[in-house]
Amino acid sequence: LRAGLSTWGADLNPQACANLLAEGACGAAASAREFAGVVDALVILVVNAAQVRQVLFGEDGVAHLMKPGSAVMVSSTISSADAQEIAAALTALNLNMLDAPVSGGAVKAAQGEMTVMASGSEAAFTRLKPVLDAVASNVYRISDTPGAGSTVKIIHQLLAGVHIAAAAEAMALAARAGIPLDVMYDVVTHAAGNSWMFENRMQHVVDGDYTPRSAVDIFVKDLGLVADTA
């Protein structure tokens, strides 16, 4: 919206739709069917491959309603095989898919500063360039074949999962040893053991802020993809 793109949105949460409309969206609904035939590009960011397929090909699926030549940017974290299968199904409908998982979380998304790991055809990149420019500060063009972007994201999630687990164990060890957590945090963030995950997530531990900001189930799913890929 801030980039000046005509934007519609779909979310099962009515409040999310209301928020989008308040920001000036052209429309918002529980299903993308409401506007699938109007848009030139569709961005899908749901939990897993089953949900991606449901959005595109399910009972209320939108793929067959989209204009030929339109582009679909799948930003969910899914397996390379799923990305390839979904891309093939979209190609059969004369739609271009960009396998484009993202990283950055809600804050970076709101700022339009996501990191995108993308793979797909020249047509998909061209059609989605305005969208990529609007939502990302870093776009990595991994390959011209869908699936490679998802593989890069899965490898990234291996590191992210390890860093979160190691960070939590480190702070727990510090607490048991009687080391003030703010001191431990300051030492690590100014030394070689630091990571983005430690610096970001452990600040909440130091602050005593345990407000949920994500779902553990998502990391369980992602690390399952890591194991399957390995």
C-alpha atoms as a PDB file:
ATOM      1  CA  LEU A   1       0.000   0.000   0.000  1.00  0.00           C
ATOM      2  CA  ARG A   2       2.737   2.468   0.926  1.00  0.00           C
ATOM      3  CA  ALA A   3       4.450   1.670  -2.373  1.00  0.00           C
ATOM      4  CA  GLY A   4       1.349   2.821  -4.230  1.00  0.00           C
ATOM      5  CA  LEU A   5       0.214  -0.608  -5.427  1.00  0.00           C
ATOM      6  CA  SER A   6      -3.498  -1.352  -5.679  1.00  0.00           C
ATOM      7  CA  THR A   7      -3.810  -3.962  -2.957  1.00  0.00           C
ATOM      8  CA  TRP A   8      -6.415  -6.477  -1.842  1.00  0.00           C
ATOM      9  CA  GLY A   9      -6.046  -8.841   1.104  1.00  0.00           C
ATOM     10  CA  ALA A  10      -7.511 -12.076   2.418  1.00  0.00           C
ATOM     11  CA  ASP A  11      -7.385 -13.296   6.011  1.00  0.00           C
ATOM     12  CA  LEU A  12      -9.618 -15.492   8.146  1.00  0.00           C
ATOM     13  CA  ASN A  13      -9.182 -12.961  10.964  1.00  0.00           C
ATOM     14  CA  PRO A  14     -11.807 -10.205  10.521  1.00  0.00           C
ATOM     15  CA  GLN A  15      -9.653  -7.755  12.484  1.00  0.00           C
ATOM     16  CA  ALA A  16      -6.772  -8.226  10.055  1.00  0.00           C
ATOM     17  CA  CYS A  17      -9.128  -7.441   7.177  1.00  0.00           C
ATOM     18  CA  ALA A  18     -10.435  -4.374   9.001  1.00  0.00           C
ATOM     19  CA  ASN A  19      -6.891  -3.158   9.641  1.00  0.00           C
ATOM     20  CA  LEU A  20      -6.010  -3.559   5.978  1.00  0.00           C
ATOM     21  CA  LEU A  21      -9.069  -1.628   4.859  1.00  0.00           C
ATOM     22  CA  ALA A  22      -8.219   1.125   7.331  1.00  0.00           C
ATOM     23  CA  GLU A  23      -4.803   1.430   5.673  1.00  0.00           C
ATOM     24  CA  GLY A  24      -6.469   2.040   2.310  1.00  0.00           C
ATOM     25  CA  ALA A  25      -6.697  -1.389   0.687  1.00  0.00           C
ATOM     26  CA  CYS A  26      -9.005  -1.772  -2.299  1.00  0.00           C
ATOM     27  CA  GLY A  27     -10.696  -4.663  -0.543  1.00  0.00           C
ATOM     28  CA  ALA A  28     -10.310  -7.360   2.103  1.00  0.00           C
ATOM     29  CA  ALA A  29     -12.197 -10.594   2.688  1.00  0.00           C
ATOM     30  CA  ALA A  30     -11.962 -14.032   4.259  1.00  0.00           C
ATOM     31  CA  SER A  31     -11.307 -15.564   0.833  1.00  0.00           C
ATOM     32  CA  ALA A  32      -9.148 -14.390  -2.054  1.00  0.00           C
ATOM     33  CA  ARG A  33     -11.914 -15.517  -4.428  1.00  0.00           C
ATOM     34  CA  GLU A  34     -13.426 -12.070  -3.933  1.00  0.00           C
ATOM     35  CA  PHE A  35     -10.692 -10.462  -6.028  1.00  0.00           C
ATOM     36  CA  ALA A  36      -8.748 -13.290  -7.710  1.00  0.00           C
ATOM     37  CA  GLY A  37      -9.947 -12.311 -11.175  1.00  0.00           C
ATOM     38  CA  VAL A  38      -8.857  -8.695 -10.746  1.00  0.00           C
ATOM     39  CA  VAL A  39      -5.273  -8.926  -9.543  1.00  0.00           C
ATOM     40  CA  ASP A  40      -2.138  -9.343 -11.666  1.00  0.00           C
ATOM     41  CA  ALA A  41      -0.198 -10.937  -8.815  1.00  0.00           C
ATOM     42  CA  LEU A  42      -1.096 -12.984  -5.755  1.00  0.00           C
ATOM     43  CA  VAL A  43       1.146 -13.349  -2.692  1.00  0.00           C
ATOM     44  CA  ILE A  44       0.469 -16.368  -0.477  1.00  0.00           C
ATOM     45  CA  LEU A  45       1.918 -16.492   3.034  1.00  0.00           C
ATOM     46  CA  VAL A  46       0.340 -19.298   5.052  1.00  0.00           C
ATOM     47  CA  VAL A  47       1.743 -21.978   7.363  1.00  0.00           C
ATOM     48  CA  ASN A  48       2.413 -24.971   5.122  1.00  0.00           C
ATOM     49  CA  ALA A  49       2.084 -26.575   1.696  1.00  0.00           C
ATOM     50  CA  ALA A  50      -1.350 -28.022   2.467  1.00  0.00           C
ATOM     51  CA  GLN A  51      -2.665 -24.520   3.112  1.00  0.00           C
ATOM     52  CA  VAL A  52      -1.020 -23.206  -0.079  1.00  0.00           C
ATOM     53  CA  ARG A  53      -2.791 -25.928  -2.061  1.00  0.00           C
ATOM     54  CA  GLN A  54      -6.063 -25.139  -0.289  1.00  0.00           C
ATOM     55  CA  VAL A  55      -5.804 -21.456  -1.226  1.00  0.00           C
ATOM     56  CA  LEU A  56      -4.999 -22.248  -4.847  1.00  0.00           C
ATOM     57  CA  PHE A  57      -6.777 -25.492  -5.673  1.00  0.00           C
ATOM     58  CA  GLY A  58      -9.167 -26.247  -2.796  1.00  0.00           C
ATOM     59  CA  GLU A  59     -12.939 -25.943  -2.685  1.00  0.00           C
ATOM     60  CA  ASP A  60     -12.614 -22.149  -2.555  1.00  0.00           C
ATOM     61  CA  GLY A  61      -9.390 -22.153  -4.561  1.00  0.00           C
ATOM     62  CA  VAL A  62      -8.491 -19.135  -6.633  1.00  0.00           C
ATOM     63  CA  ALA A  63      -6.042 -20.430  -9.242  1.00  0.00           C
ATOM     64  CA  HIS A  64      -8.680 -21.133 -11.887  1.00  0.00           C
ATOM     65  CA  LEU A  65     -10.174 -17.659 -11.367  1.00  0.00           C
ATOM     66  CA  MET A  66      -6.968 -15.742 -12.048  1.00  0.00           C
ATOM     67  CA  LYS A  67      -6.183 -14.050 -15.347  1.00  0.00           C
ATOM     68  CA  PRO A  68      -3.876 -16.058 -17.645  1.00  0.00           C
ATOM     69  CA  GLY A  69      -0.306 -14.819 -17.331  1.00  0.00           C
ATOM     70  CA  SER A  70      -0.770 -13.626 -13.759  1.00  0.00           C
ATOM     71  CA  ALA A  71       1.870 -14.433 -11.153  1.00  0.00           C
ATOM     72  CA  VAL A  72       1.654 -16.267  -7.846  1.00  0.00           C
ATOM     73  CA  MET A  73       4.336 -15.599  -5.228  1.00  0.00           C
ATOM     74  CA  VAL A  74       4.399 -18.448  -2.711  1.00  0.00           C
ATOM     75  CA  SER A  75       6.178 -17.150   0.387  1.00  0.00           C
ATOM     76  CA  SER A  76       5.343 -19.960   2.790  1.00  0.00           C
ATOM     77  CA  THR A  77       8.127 -22.223   4.027  1.00  0.00           C
ATOM     78  CA  ILE A  78       7.512 -25.492   2.162  1.00  0.00           C
ATOM     79  CA  SER A  79       9.597 -28.329   0.752  1.00  0.00           C
ATOM     80  CA  SER A  80      11.343 -28.054  -2.585  1.00  0.00           C
ATOM     81  CA  ALA A  81       9.220 -30.920  -3.911  1.00  0.00           C
ATOM     82  CA  ASP A  82       6.001 -29.179  -2.888  1.00  0.00           C
ATOM     83  CA  ALA A  83       7.172 -25.947  -4.523  1.00  0.00           C
ATOM     84  CA  GLN A  84       7.899 -27.789  -7.761  1.00  0.00           C
ATOM     85  CA  GLU A  85       4.551 -29.602  -7.751  1.00  0.00           C
ATOM     86  CA  ILE A  86       2.584 -26.417  -7.072  1.00  0.00           C
ATOM     87  CA  ALA A  87       4.534 -24.575  -9.772  1.00  0.00           C
ATOM     88  CA  ALA A  88       3.733 -27.310 -12.306  1.00  0.00           C
ATOM     89  CA  ALA A  89       0.030 -27.163 -11.463  1.00  0.00           C
ATOM     90  CA  LEU A  90       0.026 -23.380 -11.883  1.00  0.00           C
ATOM     91  CA  THR A  91       1.943 -23.587 -15.157  1.00  0.00           C
ATOM     92  CA  ALA A  92      -0.811 -25.861 -16.485  1.00  0.00           C
ATOM     93  CA  LEU A  93      -3.228 -22.979 -15.813  1.00  0.00           C
ATOM     94  CA  ASN A  94      -0.939 -20.484 -17.599  1.00  0.00           C
ATOM     95  CA  LEU A  95       0.078 -18.873 -14.309  1.00  0.00           C
ATOM     96  CA  ASN A  96       3.648 -17.989 -13.303  1.00  0.00           C
ATOM     97  CA  MET A  97       4.855 -19.074  -9.865  1.00  0.00           C
ATOM     98  CA  LEU A  98       7.731 -17.580  -7.928  1.00  0.00           C
ATOM     99  CA  ASP A  99       9.024 -19.827  -5.162  1.00  0.00           C
ATOM    100  CA  ALA A 100       9.780 -16.994  -2.752  1.00  0.00           C
ATOM    101  CA  PRO A 101       9.995 -17.788   0.965  1.00  0.00           C
ATOM    102  CA  VAL A 102      10.760 -14.838   3.209  1.00  0.00           C
ATOM    103  CA  SER A 103      12.550 -13.978   6.436  1.00  0.00           C
ATOM    104  CA  GLY A 104      12.292 -10.995   8.727  1.00  0.00           C
ATOM    105  CA  GLY A 105       9.158 -11.463  10.797  1.00  0.00           C
ATOM    106  CA  ALA A 106       6.242  -9.125  11.325  1.00  0.00           C
ATOM    107  CA  VAL A 107       8.385  -6.053  12.023  1.00  0.00           C
ATOM    108  CA  LYS A 108      10.396  -6.290   8.801  1.00  0.00           C
ATOM    109  CA  ALA A 109       7.239  -7.139   6.868  1.00  0.00           C
ATOM    110  CA  ALA A 110       5.532  -3.980   8.113  1.00  0.00           C
ATOM    111  CA  GLN A 111       8.591  -1.945   7.128  1.00  0.00           C
ATOM    112  CA  GLY A 112       8.827  -3.500   3.666  1.00  0.00           C
ATOM    113  CA  GLU A 113      12.279  -4.835   4.518  1.00  0.00           C
ATOM    114  CA  MET A 114      11.887  -8.580   4.195  1.00  0.00           C
ATOM    115  CA  THR A 115      14.587 -10.850   2.815  1.00  0.00           C
ATOM    116  CA  VAL A 116      13.293 -12.958  -0.080  1.00  0.00           C
ATOM    117  CA  MET A 117      14.917 -16.164  -1.328  1.00  0.00           C
ATOM    118  CA  ALA A 118      13.387 -16.553  -4.777  1.00  0.00           C
ATOM    119  CA  SER A 119      13.499 -18.967  -7.673  1.00  0.00           C
ATOM    120  CA  GLY A 120      11.365 -19.039 -10.789  1.00  0.00           C
ATOM    121  CA  SER A 121      11.052 -17.996 -14.391  1.00  0.00           C
ATOM    122  CA  GLU A 122      11.988 -14.653 -15.887  1.00  0.00           C
ATOM    123  CA  ALA A 123       8.280 -14.001 -16.446  1.00  0.00           C
ATOM    124  CA  ALA A 124       7.529 -14.561 -12.762  1.00  0.00           C
ATOM    125  CA  PHE A 125      10.319 -12.239 -11.623  1.00  0.00           C
ATOM    126  CA  THR A 126       9.259  -9.559 -14.109  1.00  0.00           C
ATOM    127  CA  ARG A 127       5.588  -9.694 -13.171  1.00  0.00           C
ATOM    128  CA  LEU A 128       6.365  -9.620  -9.452  1.00  0.00           C
ATOM    129  CA  LYS A 129       9.121  -6.988  -9.481  1.00  0.00           C
ATOM    130  CA  PRO A 130       6.838  -4.185  -8.169  1.00  0.00           C
ATOM    131  CA  VAL A 131       5.722  -6.457  -5.332  1.00  0.00           C
ATOM    132  CA  LEU A 132       9.265  -7.541  -4.491  1.00  0.00           C
ATOM    133  CA  ASP A 133      10.424  -3.918  -4.506  1.00  0.00           C
ATOM    134  CA  ALA A 134       7.596  -3.043  -2.111  1.00  0.00           C
ATOM    135  CA  VAL A 135       8.014  -5.821   0.442  1.00  0.00           C
ATOM    136  CA  ALA A 136      11.738  -6.566   0.488  1.00  0.00           C
ATOM    137  CA  SER A 137      15.061  -4.847   1.039  1.00  0.00           C
ATOM    138  CA  ASN A 138      16.975  -7.946  -0.075  1.00  0.00           C
ATOM    139  CA  VAL A 139      15.854 -10.168  -2.949  1.00  0.00           C
ATOM    140  CA  TYR A 140      18.097 -13.127  -3.740  1.00  0.00           C
ATOM    141  CA  ARG A 141      17.528 -14.643  -7.168  1.00  0.00           C
ATOM    142  CA  ILE A 142      18.577 -18.207  -6.457  1.00  0.00           C
ATOM    143  CA  SER A 143      17.583 -20.017  -9.635  1.00  0.00           C
ATOM    144  CA  ASP A 144      15.193 -20.048 -12.580  1.00  0.00           C
ATOM    145  CA  THR A 145      13.677 -23.280 -11.254  1.00  0.00           C
ATOM    146  CA  PRO A 146      11.045 -23.304  -8.474  1.00  0.00           C
ATOM    147  CA  GLY A 147      12.205 -25.287  -5.460  1.00  0.00           C
ATOM    148  CA  ALA A 148      15.652 -23.772  -5.033  1.00  0.00           C
ATOM    149  CA  GLY A 149      14.282 -20.832  -3.056  1.00  0.00           C
ATOM    150  CA  SER A 150      12.546 -23.215  -0.669  1.00  0.00           C
ATOM    151  CA  THR A 151      15.750 -25.210  -0.214  1.00  0.00           C
ATOM    152  CA  VAL A 152      17.668 -22.060   0.744  1.00  0.00           C
ATOM    153  CA  LYS A 153      14.940 -21.132   3.250  1.00  0.00           C
ATOM    154  CA  ILE A 154      15.020 -24.606   4.794  1.00  0.00           C
ATOM    155  CA  ILE A 155      18.801 -24.398   5.248  1.00  0.00           C
ATOM    156  CA  HIS A 156      18.315 -20.961   6.803  1.00  0.00           C
ATOM    157  CA  GLN A 157      15.735 -22.398   9.203  1.00  0.00           C
ATOM    158  CA  LEU A 158      18.244 -25.033  10.305  1.00  0.00           C
ATOM    159  CA  LEU A 159      20.530 -22.242  11.474  1.00  0.00           C
ATOM    160  CA  ALA A 160      17.684 -20.205  12.967  1.00  0.00           C
ATOM    161  CA  GLY A 161      16.405 -23.182  14.960  1.00  0.00           C
ATOM    162  CA  VAL A 162      19.848 -24.076  16.266  1.00  0.00           C
ATOM    163  CA  HIS A 163      20.535 -20.461  17.259  1.00  0.00           C
ATOM    164  CA  ILE A 164      17.249 -20.135  19.168  1.00  0.00           C
ATOM    165  CA  ALA A 165      17.761 -23.415  21.027  1.00  0.00           C
ATOM    166  CA  ALA A 166      21.393 -22.613  21.855  1.00  0.00           C
ATOM    167  CA  ALA A 167      20.485 -19.092  22.983  1.00  0.00           C
ATOM    168  CA  ALA A 168      17.780 -20.365  25.335  1.00  0.00           C
ATOM    169  CA  GLU A 169      20.117 -22.992  26.806  1.00  0.00           C
ATOM    170  CA  ALA A 170      22.869 -20.400  27.267  1.00  0.00           C
ATOM    171  CA  MET A 171      20.594 -18.042  29.191  1.00  0.00           C
ATOM    172  CA  ALA A 172      19.211 -20.913  31.271  1.00  0.00           C
ATOM    173  CA  LEU A 173      22.770 -21.936  32.162  1.00  0.00           C
ATOM    174  CA  ALA A 174      23.604 -18.348  33.105  1.00  0.00           C
ATOM    175  CA  ALA A 175      20.540 -18.150  35.333  1.00  0.00           C
ATOM    176  CA  ARG A 176      21.413 -21.413  37.115  1.00  0.00           C
ATOM    177  CA  ALA A 177      24.965 -20.147  37.645  1.00  0.00           C
ATOM    178  CA  GLY A 178      23.698 -16.926  39.199  1.00  0.00           C
ATOM    179  CA  ILE A 179      24.939 -14.685  36.379  1.00  0.00           C
ATOM    180  CA  PRO A 180      22.689 -11.633  35.907  1.00  0.00           C
ATOM    181  CA  LEU A 181      20.917 -12.125  32.591  1.00  0.00           C
ATOM    182  CA  ASP A 182      21.420  -8.535  31.498  1.00  0.00           C
ATOM    183  CA  VAL A 183      25.175  -8.944  32.006  1.00  0.00           C
ATOM    184  CA  MET A 184      25.204 -12.233  30.097  1.00  0.00           C
ATOM    185  CA  TYR A 185      23.248 -10.643  27.271  1.00  0.00           C
ATOM    186  CA  ASP A 186      25.606  -7.670  27.086  1.00  0.00           C
ATOM    187  CA  VAL A 187      28.685  -9.889  27.008  1.00  0.00           C
ATOM    188  CA  VAL A 188      27.365 -12.152  24.245  1.00  0.00           C
ATOM    189  CA  THR A 189      26.094  -9.323  22.059  1.00  0.00           C
ATOM    190  CA  HIS A 190      29.563  -7.774  22.114  1.00  0.00           C
ATOM    191  CA  ALA A 191      31.461 -11.017  21.551  1.00  0.00           C
ATOM    192  CA  ALA A 192      31.929 -13.774  18.987  1.00  0.00           C
ATOM    193  CA  GLY A 193      29.100 -15.941  20.309  1.00  0.00           C
ATOM    194  CA  ASN A 194      26.427 -13.467  19.256  1.00  0.00           C
ATOM    195  CA  SER A 195      23.787 -14.127  16.610  1.00  0.00           C
ATOM    196  CA  TRP A 196      20.786 -12.208  15.325  1.00  0.00           C
ATOM    197  CA  MET A 197      18.510 -14.727  17.013  1.00  0.00           C
ATOM    198  CA  PHE A 198      20.285 -14.370  20.357  1.00  0.00           C
ATOM    199  CA  GLU A 199      20.265 -10.581  20.194  1.00  0.00           C
ATOM    200  CA  ASN A 200      16.618 -10.375  19.160  1.00  0.00           C
ATOM    201  CA  ARG A 201      15.001 -13.166  21.164  1.00  0.00           C
ATOM    202  CA  MET A 202      17.038 -13.029  24.355  1.00  0.00           C
ATOM    203  CA  GLN A 203      16.308  -9.324  24.811  1.00  0.00           C
ATOM    204  CA  HIS A 204      12.765 -10.429  25.641  1.00  0.00           C
ATOM    205  CA  VAL A 205      14.156 -12.828  28.261  1.00  0.00           C
ATOM    206  CA  VAL A 206      16.200 -10.040  29.849  1.00  0.00           C
ATOM    207  CA  ASP A 207      13.101  -7.835  29.865  1.00  0.00           C
ATOM    208  CA  GLY A 208      10.948 -10.595  31.353  1.00  0.00           C
ATOM    209  CA  ASP A 209       8.626 -10.228  28.373  1.00  0.00           C
ATOM    210  CA  TYR A 210       7.215 -13.608  27.388  1.00  0.00           C
ATOM    211  CA  THR A 211       4.445 -12.302  25.152  1.00  0.00           C
ATOM    212  CA  PRO A 212       3.958 -14.860  22.323  1.00  0.00           C
ATOM    213  CA  ARG A 213       5.214 -13.491  19.016  1.00  0.00           C
ATOM    214  CA  SER A 214       5.187 -16.675  17.003  1.00  0.00           C
ATOM    215  CA  ALA A 215       4.088 -20.301  17.249  1.00  0.00           C
ATOM    216  CA  VAL A 216       6.362 -23.151  18.298  1.00  0.00           C
ATOM    217  CA  ASP A 217       4.456 -25.410  15.889  1.00  0.00           C
ATOM    218  CA  ILE A 218       5.866 -23.428  12.963  1.00  0.00           C
ATOM    219  CA  PHE A 219       9.447 -24.149  13.998  1.00  0.00           C
ATOM    220  CA  VAL A 220       8.583 -27.810  14.569  1.00  0.00           C
ATOM    221  CA  LYS A 221       7.234 -27.898  11.010  1.00  0.00           C
ATOM    222  CA  ASP A 222      10.270 -26.089   9.606  1.00  0.00           C
ATOM    223  CA  LEU A 223      12.782 -28.321  11.389  1.00  0.00           C
ATOM    224  CA  GLY A 224      10.825 -31.306  10.100  1.00  0.00           C
ATOM    225  CA  LEU A 225      11.462 -29.956   6.601  1.00  0.00           C
ATOM    226  CA  VAL A 226      15.157 -29.676   7.500  1.00  0.00           C
ATOM    227  CA  ALA A 227      15.238 -33.353   8.513  1.00  0.00           C
ATOM    228  CA  ASP A 228      13.373 -34.404   5.372  1.00  0.00           C
ATOM    229  CA  THR A 229      15.701 -32.363   3.156  1.00  0.00           C
ATOM    230  CA  ALA A 230      18.824 -33.767   4.796  1.00  0.00           C
END
